[in-house]
Full PDB file with SEQRES, HELIX, SHEET, SSBOND, CRYST1, ORIGX, SCALE, CONECT and MASTER records, all heavy atoms in Angstrom:
SEQRES   1 A   35  ASN VAL ALA ASP LYS LEU ARG GLN HIS ARG ILE GLY VAL          
SEQRES   2 A   35  MET VAL PRO GLN GLU GLN ARG ALA ILE ARG SER ALA GLY          
SEQRES   3 A   35  SER TRP HIS TYR LYS ASP PHE VAL LEU                          
HELIX    1 AA1 VAL A    2  GLN A    8  1                                   7    
SHEET    1 AA1 2 GLN A  17  SER A  24  0                                        
SHEET    2 AA1 2 SER A  27  VAL A  34 -1                                        
CRYST1    1.000    1.000    1.000  90.00  90.00  90.00 P 1           1          
ORIGX1      1.000000  0.000000  0.000000        0.00000                         
ORIGX2      0.000000  1.000000  0.000000        0.00000                         
ORIGX3      0.000000  0.000000  1.000000        0.00000                         
SCALE1      1.000000  0.000000  0.000000        0.00000                         
SCALE2      0.000000  1.000000  0.000000        0.00000                         
SCALE3      0.000000  0.000000  1.000000        0.00000                         
ATOM      1  N   ASN A   1     -72.475 -56.205  76.520  1.00  0.00           N  
ATOM      2  CA  ASN A   1     -72.469 -54.767  76.818  1.00  0.00           C  
ATOM      3  C   ASN A   1     -73.244 -54.421  78.085  1.00  0.00           C  
ATOM      4  O   ASN A   1     -72.771 -53.683  78.966  1.00  0.00           O  
ATOM      5  CB  ASN A   1     -73.107 -53.956  75.678  1.00  0.00           C  
ATOM      6  CG  ASN A   1     -72.359 -53.971  74.402  1.00  0.00           C  
ATOM      7  OD1 ASN A   1     -71.061 -54.279  74.417  1.00  0.00           O  
ATOM      8  ND2 ASN A   1     -72.967 -53.873  73.268  1.00  0.00           N  
ATOM      9  N   VAL A   2     -74.423 -55.056  78.254  1.00  0.00           N  
ATOM     10  CA  VAL A   2     -75.130 -54.798  79.518  1.00  0.00           C  
ATOM     11  C   VAL A   2     -74.437 -55.449  80.711  1.00  0.00           C  
ATOM     12  O   VAL A   2     -74.262 -54.708  81.809  1.00  0.00           O  
ATOM     13  CB  VAL A   2     -76.581 -55.441  79.466  1.00  0.00           C  
ATOM     14  CG1 VAL A   2     -77.203 -55.459  80.804  1.00  0.00           C  
ATOM     15  CG2 VAL A   2     -77.426 -54.678  78.384  1.00  0.00           C  
ATOM     16  N   ALA A   3     -73.762 -56.496  80.579  1.00  0.00           N  
ATOM     17  CA  ALA A   3     -73.024 -57.110  81.624  1.00  0.00           C  
ATOM     18  C   ALA A   3     -71.828 -56.205  81.980  1.00  0.00           C  
ATOM     19  O   ALA A   3     -71.516 -55.986  83.213  1.00  0.00           O  
ATOM     20  CB  ALA A   3     -72.464 -58.478  81.203  1.00  0.00           C  
ATOM     21  N   ASP A   4     -71.162 -55.543  81.155  1.00  0.00           N  
ATOM     22  CA  ASP A   4     -70.042 -54.594  81.415  1.00  0.00           C  
ATOM     23  C   ASP A   4     -70.546 -53.479  82.251  1.00  0.00           C  
ATOM     24  O   ASP A   4     -69.938 -53.004  83.207  1.00  0.00           O  
ATOM     25  CB  ASP A   4     -69.434 -54.179  80.217  1.00  0.00           C  
ATOM     26  CG  ASP A   4     -68.622 -55.331  79.430  1.00  0.00           C  
ATOM     27  OD1 ASP A   4     -68.227 -56.256  80.249  1.00  0.00           O  
ATOM     28  OD2 ASP A   4     -68.217 -55.162  78.265  1.00  0.00           O  
ATOM     29  N   LYS A   5     -71.759 -53.018  81.788  1.00  0.00           N  
ATOM     30  CA  LYS A   5     -72.307 -51.797  82.451  1.00  0.00           C  
ATOM     31  C   LYS A   5     -72.762 -52.141  83.867  1.00  0.00           C  
ATOM     32  O   LYS A   5     -72.614 -51.368  84.804  1.00  0.00           O  
ATOM     33  CB  LYS A   5     -73.513 -51.262  81.683  1.00  0.00           C  
ATOM     34  CG  LYS A   5     -73.101 -50.426  80.456  1.00  0.00           C  
ATOM     35  CD  LYS A   5     -74.167 -49.821  79.789  1.00  0.00           C  
ATOM     36  CE  LYS A   5     -73.737 -49.008  78.629  1.00  0.00           C  
ATOM     37  NZ  LYS A   5     -73.488 -49.526  77.339  1.00  0.00           N  
ATOM     38  N   LEU A   6     -73.278 -53.296  84.117  1.00  0.00           N  
ATOM     39  CA  LEU A   6     -73.684 -53.773  85.384  1.00  0.00           C  
ATOM     40  C   LEU A   6     -72.514 -53.947  86.408  1.00  0.00           C  
ATOM     41  O   LEU A   6     -72.576 -53.610  87.444  1.00  0.00           O  
ATOM     42  CB  LEU A   6     -74.490 -55.148  85.401  1.00  0.00           C  
ATOM     43  CG  LEU A   6     -75.909 -54.957  84.715  1.00  0.00           C  
ATOM     44  CD1 LEU A   6     -76.470 -56.317  84.406  1.00  0.00           C  
ATOM     45  CD2 LEU A   6     -76.805 -54.192  85.729  1.00  0.00           C  
ATOM     46  N   ARG A   7     -71.379 -54.495  85.792  1.00  0.00           N  
ATOM     47  CA  ARG A   7     -70.119 -54.637  86.568  1.00  0.00           C  
ATOM     48  C   ARG A   7     -69.553 -53.322  86.960  1.00  0.00           C  
ATOM     49  O   ARG A   7     -68.958 -53.175  88.017  1.00  0.00           O  
ATOM     50  CB  ARG A   7     -69.062 -55.443  85.659  1.00  0.00           C  
ATOM     51  CG  ARG A   7     -69.355 -56.913  85.617  1.00  0.00           C  
ATOM     52  CD  ARG A   7     -68.282 -57.642  84.930  1.00  0.00           C  
ATOM     53  NE  ARG A   7     -68.650 -59.045  84.595  1.00  0.00           N  
ATOM     54  CZ  ARG A   7     -68.957 -59.383  83.515  1.00  0.00           C  
ATOM     55  NH1 ARG A   7     -68.941 -58.634  82.317  1.00  0.00           N  
ATOM     56  NH2 ARG A   7     -69.397 -60.697  83.270  1.00  0.00           N  
ATOM     57  N   GLN A   8     -69.788 -52.270  86.162  1.00  0.00           N  
ATOM     58  CA  GLN A   8     -69.307 -50.960  86.583  1.00  0.00           C  
ATOM     59  C   GLN A   8     -70.134 -50.428  87.849  1.00  0.00           C  
ATOM     60  O   GLN A   8     -69.544 -49.677  88.630  1.00  0.00           O  
ATOM     61  CB  GLN A   8     -69.493 -49.951  85.438  1.00  0.00           C  
ATOM     62  CG  GLN A   8     -68.582 -50.189  84.218  1.00  0.00           C  
ATOM     63  CD  GLN A   8     -68.942 -49.323  83.139  1.00  0.00           C  
ATOM     64  OE1 GLN A   8     -69.844 -48.466  83.092  1.00  0.00           O  
ATOM     65  NE2 GLN A   8     -68.097 -49.392  81.985  1.00  0.00           N  
ATOM     66  N   HIS A   9     -71.298 -50.941  88.002  1.00  0.00           N  
ATOM     67  CA  HIS A   9     -72.172 -50.637  89.215  1.00  0.00           C  
ATOM     68  C   HIS A   9     -71.909 -51.611  90.318  1.00  0.00           C  
ATOM     69  O   HIS A   9     -72.646 -51.691  91.225  1.00  0.00           O  
ATOM     70  CB  HIS A   9     -73.607 -50.558  88.850  1.00  0.00           C  
ATOM     71  CG  HIS A   9     -73.975 -49.399  88.016  1.00  0.00           C  
ATOM     72  ND1 HIS A   9     -74.181 -48.192  88.536  1.00  0.00           N  
ATOM     73  CD2 HIS A   9     -74.251 -49.293  86.630  1.00  0.00           C  
ATOM     74  CE1 HIS A   9     -74.463 -47.300  87.537  1.00  0.00           C  
ATOM     75  NE2 HIS A   9     -74.516 -48.011  86.426  1.00  0.00           N  
ATOM     76  N   ARG A  10     -70.878 -52.441  90.141  1.00  0.00           N  
ATOM     77  CA  ARG A  10     -70.498 -53.480  91.140  1.00  0.00           C  
ATOM     78  C   ARG A  10     -71.634 -54.417  91.334  1.00  0.00           C  
ATOM     79  O   ARG A  10     -71.909 -54.775  92.567  1.00  0.00           O  
ATOM     80  CB  ARG A  10     -69.999 -52.836  92.369  1.00  0.00           C  
ATOM     81  CG  ARG A  10     -68.783 -52.075  92.133  1.00  0.00           C  
ATOM     82  CD  ARG A  10     -68.112 -51.545  93.304  1.00  0.00           C  
ATOM     83  NE  ARG A  10     -66.791 -50.933  92.874  1.00  0.00           N  
ATOM     84  CZ  ARG A  10     -66.216 -50.149  93.605  1.00  0.00           C  
ATOM     85  NH1 ARG A  10     -66.667 -49.758  94.809  1.00  0.00           N  
ATOM     86  NH2 ARG A  10     -65.116 -49.503  93.158  1.00  0.00           N  
ATOM     87  N   ILE A  11     -72.279 -54.842  90.304  1.00  0.00           N  
ATOM     88  CA  ILE A  11     -73.340 -55.888  90.450  1.00  0.00           C  
ATOM     89  C   ILE A  11     -72.796 -57.179  89.903  1.00  0.00           C  
ATOM     90  O   ILE A  11     -72.187 -57.134  88.847  1.00  0.00           O  
ATOM     91  CB  ILE A  11     -74.634 -55.473  89.700  1.00  0.00           C  
ATOM     92  CG1 ILE A  11     -75.155 -54.156  90.334  1.00  0.00           C  
ATOM     93  CG2 ILE A  11     -75.629 -56.484  89.652  1.00  0.00           C  
ATOM     94  CD1 ILE A  11     -76.259 -53.556  89.540  1.00  0.00           C  
ATOM     95  N   GLY A  12     -73.004 -58.303  90.570  1.00  0.00           N  
ATOM     96  CA  GLY A  12     -72.431 -59.536  90.126  1.00  0.00           C  
ATOM     97  C   GLY A  12     -73.313 -60.009  88.816  1.00  0.00           C  
ATOM     98  O   GLY A  12     -74.438 -59.836  88.774  1.00  0.00           O  
ATOM     99  N   VAL A  13     -72.626 -60.447  87.904  1.00  0.00           N  
ATOM    100  CA  VAL A  13     -73.176 -60.873  86.508  1.00  0.00           C  
ATOM    101  C   VAL A  13     -72.667 -62.109  86.059  1.00  0.00           C  
ATOM    102  O   VAL A  13     -71.496 -62.356  86.189  1.00  0.00           O  
ATOM    103  CB  VAL A  13     -72.812 -59.717  85.528  1.00  0.00           C  
ATOM    104  CG1 VAL A  13     -73.386 -59.938  84.154  1.00  0.00           C  
ATOM    105  CG2 VAL A  13     -73.382 -58.284  85.962  1.00  0.00           C  
ATOM    106  N   MET A  14     -73.538 -62.822  85.332  1.00  0.00           N  
ATOM    107  CA  MET A  14     -73.075 -64.078  84.574  1.00  0.00           C  
ATOM    108  C   MET A  14     -73.841 -64.001  83.334  1.00  0.00           C  
ATOM    109  O   MET A  14     -75.061 -63.778  83.145  1.00  0.00           O  
ATOM    110  CB  MET A  14     -73.540 -65.335  85.319  1.00  0.00           C  
ATOM    111  CG  MET A  14     -72.585 -65.780  86.266  1.00  0.00           C  
ATOM    112  SD  MET A  14     -72.699 -67.422  86.707  1.00  0.00           S  
ATOM    113  CE  MET A  14     -73.743 -67.309  88.254  1.00  0.00           C  
ATOM    114  N   VAL A  15     -72.985 -64.314  82.099  1.00  0.00           N  
ATOM    115  CA  VAL A  15     -73.530 -64.412  80.863  1.00  0.00           C  
ATOM    116  C   VAL A  15     -72.875 -65.710  80.270  1.00  0.00           C  
ATOM    117  O   VAL A  15     -71.846 -65.524  79.692  1.00  0.00           O  
ATOM    118  CB  VAL A  15     -73.273 -63.086  80.025  1.00  0.00           C  
ATOM    119  CG1 VAL A  15     -73.917 -63.338  78.610  1.00  0.00           C  
ATOM    120  CG2 VAL A  15     -73.851 -61.850  80.473  1.00  0.00           C  
ATOM    121  N   PRO A  16     -73.478 -66.810  80.523  1.00  0.00           N  
ATOM    122  CA  PRO A  16     -72.749 -68.097  79.969  1.00  0.00           C  
ATOM    123  C   PRO A  16     -72.627 -67.994  78.493  1.00  0.00           C  
ATOM    124  O   PRO A  16     -73.529 -67.653  77.648  1.00  0.00           O  
ATOM    125  CB  PRO A  16     -73.764 -69.141  80.367  1.00  0.00           C  
ATOM    126  CG  PRO A  16     -74.646 -68.561  81.489  1.00  0.00           C  
ATOM    127  CD  PRO A  16     -74.752 -67.160  81.158  1.00  0.00           C  
ATOM    128  N   GLN A  17     -71.394 -68.503  78.060  1.00  0.00           N  
ATOM    129  CA  GLN A  17     -71.119 -68.425  76.604  1.00  0.00           C  
ATOM    130  C   GLN A  17     -70.486 -69.851  76.170  1.00  0.00           C  
ATOM    131  O   GLN A  17     -70.075 -70.593  77.104  1.00  0.00           O  
ATOM    132  CB  GLN A  17     -70.069 -67.462  76.269  1.00  0.00           C  
ATOM    133  CG  GLN A  17     -70.508 -65.982  76.507  1.00  0.00           C  
ATOM    134  CD  GLN A  17     -69.504 -65.008  76.234  1.00  0.00           C  
ATOM    135  OE1 GLN A  17     -69.017 -64.876  75.106  1.00  0.00           O  
ATOM    136  NE2 GLN A  17     -68.939 -64.368  77.240  1.00  0.00           N  
ATOM    137  N   GLU A  18     -70.498 -70.097  74.985  1.00  0.00           N  
ATOM    138  CA  GLU A  18     -69.881 -71.357  74.461  1.00  0.00           C  
ATOM    139  C   GLU A  18     -69.117 -70.959  73.220  1.00  0.00           C  
ATOM    140  O   GLU A  18     -69.345 -70.021  72.513  1.00  0.00           O  
ATOM    141  CB  GLU A  18     -70.890 -72.395  74.167  1.00  0.00           C  
ATOM    142  CG  GLU A  18     -71.737 -72.122  72.906  1.00  0.00           C  
ATOM    143  CD  GLU A  18     -72.682 -73.224  72.583  1.00  0.00           C  
ATOM    144  OE1 GLU A  18     -72.300 -74.366  72.762  1.00  0.00           O  
ATOM    145  OE2 GLU A  18     -73.683 -72.936  71.926  1.00  0.00           O  
ATOM    146  N   GLN A  19     -67.952 -71.901  73.123  1.00  0.00           N  
ATOM    147  CA  GLN A  19     -67.261 -71.915  71.773  1.00  0.00           C  
ATOM    148  C   GLN A  19     -67.917 -72.795  70.780  1.00  0.00           C  
ATOM    149  O   GLN A  19     -68.112 -74.022  71.075  1.00  0.00           O  
ATOM    150  CB  GLN A  19     -65.851 -72.233  71.979  1.00  0.00           C  
ATOM    151  CG  GLN A  19     -64.924 -71.177  72.603  1.00  0.00           C  
ATOM    152  CD  GLN A  19     -63.445 -71.625  72.752  1.00  0.00           C  
ATOM    153  OE1 GLN A  19     -63.182 -72.714  72.542  1.00  0.00           O  
ATOM    154  NE2 GLN A  19     -62.751 -70.731  72.987  1.00  0.00           N  
ATOM    155  N   ARG A  20     -68.364 -72.298  69.653  1.00  0.00           N  
ATOM    156  CA  ARG A  20     -68.861 -73.226  68.658  1.00  0.00           C  
ATOM    157  C   ARG A  20     -67.934 -73.418  67.514  1.00  0.00           C  
ATOM    158  O   ARG A  20     -67.225 -72.482  67.058  1.00  0.00           O  
ATOM    159  CB  ARG A  20     -70.206 -72.589  68.160  1.00  0.00           C  
ATOM    160  CG  ARG A  20     -71.294 -72.822  69.000  1.00  0.00           C  
ATOM    161  CD  ARG A  20     -72.619 -72.354  68.346  1.00  0.00           C  
ATOM    162  NE  ARG A  20     -73.651 -72.069  69.343  1.00  0.00           N  
ATOM    163  CZ  ARG A  20     -74.813 -71.478  69.127  1.00  0.00           C  
ATOM    164  NH1 ARG A  20     -74.975 -70.977  67.921  1.00  0.00           N  
ATOM    165  NH2 ARG A  20     -75.711 -71.305  70.139  1.00  0.00           N  
ATOM    166  N   ALA A  21     -67.879 -74.595  66.861  1.00  0.00           N  
ATOM    167  CA  ALA A  21     -67.055 -74.839  65.782  1.00  0.00           C  
ATOM    168  C   ALA A  21     -67.828 -74.473  64.564  1.00  0.00           C  
ATOM    169  O   ALA A  21     -69.022 -74.821  64.338  1.00  0.00           O  
ATOM    170  CB  ALA A  21     -66.789 -76.349  65.638  1.00  0.00           C  
ATOM    171  N   ILE A  22     -67.154 -73.541  63.787  1.00  0.00           N  
ATOM    172  CA  ILE A  22     -67.801 -73.093  62.520  1.00  0.00           C  
ATOM    173  C   ILE A  22     -66.865 -73.399  61.396  1.00  0.00           C  
ATOM    174  O   ILE A  22     -65.723 -73.083  61.416  1.00  0.00           O  
ATOM    175  CB  ILE A  22     -67.924 -71.526  62.668  1.00  0.00           C  
ATOM    176  CG1 ILE A  22     -68.610 -70.973  63.922  1.00  0.00           C  
ATOM    177  CG2 ILE A  22     -68.535 -70.980  61.393  1.00  0.00           C  
ATOM    178  CD1 ILE A  22     -70.144 -71.458  63.905  1.00  0.00           C  
ATOM    179  N   ARG A  23     -67.409 -74.002  60.417  1.00  0.00           N  
ATOM    180  CA  ARG A  23     -66.686 -74.357  59.108  1.00  0.00           C  
ATOM    181  C   ARG A  23     -66.733 -73.211  58.198  1.00  0.00           C  
ATOM    182  O   ARG A  23     -67.820 -72.821  57.775  1.00  0.00           O  
ATOM    183  CB  ARG A  23     -67.151 -75.615  58.555  1.00  0.00           C  
ATOM    184  CG  ARG A  23     -66.321 -76.072  57.514  1.00  0.00           C  
ATOM    185  CD  ARG A  23     -66.718 -77.465  57.066  1.00  0.00           C  
ATOM    186  NE  ARG A  23     -65.783 -77.993  55.981  1.00  0.00           N  
ATOM    187  CZ  ARG A  23     -64.777 -78.833  56.151  1.00  0.00           C  
ATOM    188  NH1 ARG A  23     -64.621 -79.356  57.373  1.00  0.00           N  
ATOM    189  NH2 ARG A  23     -63.981 -79.069  55.090  1.00  0.00           N  
ATOM    190  N   SER A  24     -65.639 -72.671  57.821  1.00  0.00           N  
ATOM    191  CA  SER A  24     -65.580 -71.513  56.791  1.00  0.00           C  
ATOM    192  C   SER A  24     -64.370 -71.663  55.971  1.00  0.00           C  
ATOM    193  O   SER A  24     -63.215 -71.958  56.477  1.00  0.00           O  
ATOM    194  CB  SER A  24     -65.528 -70.272  57.647  1.00  0.00           C  
ATOM    195  OG  SER A  24     -65.317 -69.173  56.783  1.00  0.00           O  
ATOM    196  N   ALA A  25     -64.495 -71.583  54.614  1.00  0.00           N  
ATOM    197  CA  ALA A  25     -63.445 -71.712  53.716  1.00  0.00           C  
ATOM    198  C   ALA A  25     -62.645 -73.022  53.871  1.00  0.00           C  
ATOM    199  O   ALA A  25     -61.496 -73.081  53.808  1.00  0.00           O  
ATOM    200  CB  ALA A  25     -62.544 -70.495  53.791  1.00  0.00           C  
ATOM    201  N   GLY A  26     -63.349 -74.069  54.135  1.00  0.00           N  
ATOM    202  CA  GLY A  26     -62.856 -75.392  54.193  1.00  0.00           C  
ATOM    203  C   GLY A  26     -62.107 -75.837  55.501  1.00  0.00           C  
ATOM    204  O   GLY A  26     -61.619 -76.812  55.583  1.00  0.00           O  
ATOM    205  N   SER A  27     -62.207 -74.868  56.482  1.00  0.00           N  
ATOM    206  CA  SER A  27     -61.475 -75.181  57.748  1.00  0.00           C  
ATOM    207  C   SER A  27     -62.353 -74.859  58.903  1.00  0.00           C  
ATOM    208  O   SER A  27     -63.313 -73.994  58.699  1.00  0.00           O  
ATOM    209  CB  SER A  27     -60.120 -74.535  57.923  1.00  0.00           C  
ATOM    210  OG  SER A  27     -60.285 -73.020  57.872  1.00  0.00           O  
ATOM    211  N   TRP A  28     -62.137 -75.435  60.073  1.00  0.00           N  
ATOM    212  CA  TRP A  28     -62.825 -75.255  61.242  1.00  0.00           C  
ATOM    213  C   TRP A  28     -62.285 -74.080  62.072  1.00  0.00           C  
ATOM    214  O   TRP A  28     -61.078 -73.998  62.272  1.00  0.00           O  
ATOM    215  CB  TRP A  28     -63.024 -76.510  62.082  1.00  0.00           C  
ATOM    216  CG  TRP A  28     -63.904 -77.485  61.409  1.00  0.00           C  
ATOM    217  CD1 TRP A  28     -63.412 -78.500  60.742  1.00  0.00           C  
ATOM    218  CD2 TRP A  28     -65.112 -77.665  61.481  1.00  0.00           C  
ATOM    219  NE1 TRP A  28     -64.467 -79.276  60.324  1.00  0.00           N  
ATOM    220  CE2 TRP A  28     -65.636 -78.799  60.743  1.00  0.00           C  
ATOM    221  CE3 TRP A  28     -66.178 -76.918  62.203  1.00  0.00           C  
ATOM    222  CZ2 TRP A  28     -66.908 -79.261  60.588  1.00  0.00           C  
ATOM    223  CZ3 TRP A  28     -67.534 -77.405  61.968  1.00  0.00           C  
ATOM    224  CH2 TRP A  28     -67.841 -78.511  61.250  1.00  0.00           C  
ATOM    225  N   HIS A  29     -63.211 -73.156  62.492  1.00  0.00           N  
ATOM    226  CA  HIS A  29     -62.883 -72.085  63.430  1.00  0.00           C  
ATOM    227  C   HIS A  29     -63.846 -71.997  64.624  1.00  0.00           C  
ATOM    228  O   HIS A  29     -64.900 -72.684  64.531  1.00  0.00           O  
ATOM    229  CB  HIS A  29     -62.917 -70.678  62.724  1.00  0.00           C  
ATOM    230  CG  HIS A  29     -62.218 -70.691  61.446  1.00  0.00           C  
ATOM    231  ND1 HIS A  29     -60.859 -70.437  61.219  1.00  0.00           N  
ATOM    232  CD2 HIS A  29     -62.602 -70.863  60.052  1.00  0.00           C  
ATOM    233  CE1 HIS A  29     -60.430 -70.369  60.120  1.00  0.00           C  
ATOM    234  NE2 HIS A  29     -61.463 -70.657  59.345  1.00  0.00           N  
ATOM    235  N   TYR A  30     -63.273 -71.403  65.711  1.00  0.00           N  
ATOM    236  CA  TYR A  30     -64.155 -71.338  66.915  1.00  0.00           C  
ATOM    237  C   TYR A  30     -64.593 -69.922  67.063  1.00  0.00           C  
ATOM    238  O   TYR A  30     -63.882 -69.015  66.956  1.00  0.00           O  
ATOM    239  CB  TYR A  30     -63.492 -71.947  68.116  1.00  0.00           C  
ATOM    240  CG  TYR A  30     -63.267 -73.410  67.987  1.00  0.00           C  
ATOM    241  CD1 TYR A  30     -62.079 -73.975  67.572  1.00  0.00           C  
ATOM    242  CD2 TYR A  30     -64.327 -74.317  68.342  1.00  0.00           C  
ATOM    243  CE1 TYR A  30     -61.936 -75.306  67.432  1.00  0.00           C  
ATOM    244  CE2 TYR A  30     -64.173 -75.680  68.141  1.00  0.00           C  
ATOM    245  CZ  TYR A  30     -62.849 -76.167  67.754  1.00  0.00           C  
ATOM    246  OH  TYR A  30     -62.826 -77.499  67.642  1.00  0.00           O  
ATOM    247  N   LYS A  31     -65.960 -69.846  67.439  1.00  0.00           N  
ATOM    248  CA  LYS A  31     -66.460 -68.490  67.675  1.00  0.00           C  
ATOM    249  C   LYS A  31     -67.283 -68.583  69.059  1.00  0.00           C  
ATOM    250  O   LYS A  31     -67.915 -69.509  69.227  1.00  0.00           O  
ATOM    251  CB  LYS A  31     -67.340 -67.992  66.565  1.00  0.00           C  
ATOM    252  CG  LYS A  31     -67.897 -66.558  66.654  1.00  0.00           C  
ATOM    253  CD  LYS A  31     -68.694 -66.113  65.376  1.00  0.00           C  
ATOM    254  CE  LYS A  31     -69.236 -64.864  65.616  1.00  0.00           C  
ATOM    255  NZ  LYS A  31     -70.061 -64.425  64.578  1.00  0.00           N  
ATOM    256  N   ASP A  32     -67.310 -67.414  69.877  1.00  0.00           N  
ATOM    257  CA  ASP A  32     -68.021 -67.499  71.080  1.00  0.00           C  
ATOM    258  C   ASP A  32     -69.478 -67.013  70.850  1.00  0.00           C  
ATOM    259  O   ASP A  32     -69.768 -66.120  70.086  1.00  0.00           O  
ATOM    260  CB  ASP A  32     -67.430 -66.574  72.074  1.00  0.00           C  
ATOM    261  CG  ASP A  32     -65.945 -66.937  72.548  1.00  0.00           C  
ATOM    262  OD1 ASP A  32     -65.651 -68.089  72.303  1.00  0.00           O  
ATOM    263  OD2 ASP A  32     -65.275 -66.119  73.104  1.00  0.00           O  
ATOM    264  N   PHE A  33     -70.419 -67.759  71.506  1.00  0.00           N  
ATOM    265  CA  PHE A  33     -71.877 -67.479  71.397  1.00  0.00           C  
ATOM    266  C   PHE A  33     -72.407 -67.407  72.771  1.00  0.00           C  
ATOM    267  O   PHE A  33     -72.064 -68.239  73.651  1.00  0.00           O  
ATOM    268  CB  PHE A  33     -72.623 -68.576  70.598  1.00  0.00           C  
ATOM    269  CG  PHE A  33     -72.332 -68.411  69.027  1.00  0.00           C  
ATOM    270  CD1 PHE A  33     -71.266 -69.076  68.440  1.00  0.00           C  
ATOM    271  CD2 PHE A  33     -73.209 -67.703  68.330  1.00  0.00           C  
ATOM    272  CE1 PHE A  33     -70.994 -68.932  67.136  1.00  0.00           C  
ATOM    273  CE2 PHE A  33     -72.978 -67.610  66.821  1.00  0.00           C  
ATOM    274  CZ  PHE A  33     -72.027 -68.325  66.334  1.00  0.00           C  
ATOM    275  N   VAL A  34     -73.339 -66.550  72.991  1.00  0.00           N  
ATOM    276  CA  VAL A  34     -74.070 -66.484  74.309  1.00  0.00           C  
ATOM    277  C   VAL A  34     -75.119 -67.597  74.261  1.00  0.00           C  
ATOM    278  O   VAL A  34     -75.798 -67.811  73.268  1.00  0.00           O  
ATOM    279  CB  VAL A  34     -74.863 -65.096  74.363  1.00  0.00           C  
ATOM    280  CG1 VAL A  34     -75.667 -65.025  75.633  1.00  0.00           C  
ATOM    281  CG2 VAL A  34     -73.643 -63.968  74.443  1.00  0.00           C  
ATOM    282  N   LEU A  35     -75.153 -68.355  75.304  1.00  0.00           N  
ATOM    283  CA  LEU A  35     -76.095 -69.490  75.574  1.00  0.00           C  
ATOM    284  C   LEU A  35     -77.470 -69.056  75.623  1.00  0.00           C  
ATOM    285  O   LEU A  35     -78.292 -69.671  74.968  1.00  0.00           O  
ATOM    286  CB  LEU A  35     -75.726 -70.342  76.642  1.00  0.00           C  
ATOM    287  CG  LEU A  35     -74.537 -71.324  76.474  1.00  0.00           C  
ATOM    288  CD1 LEU A  35     -74.176 -72.061  77.748  1.00  0.00           C  
ATOM    289  CD2 LEU A  35     -74.772 -72.246  75.426  1.00  0.00           C  
TER     290      LEU A  35                                                      
MASTER        0    0    0    1    2    0    0    6  289    1    0    3          
END                                                                             
């Protein structure tokens, strides 16, 4: 949310994220997490 607000002010922003494998209900799913 902060990154979006900063982009509105034309400020360069980086928020590194990763996809993590999460096992739920017997199968693997991927969810994005902030590093």
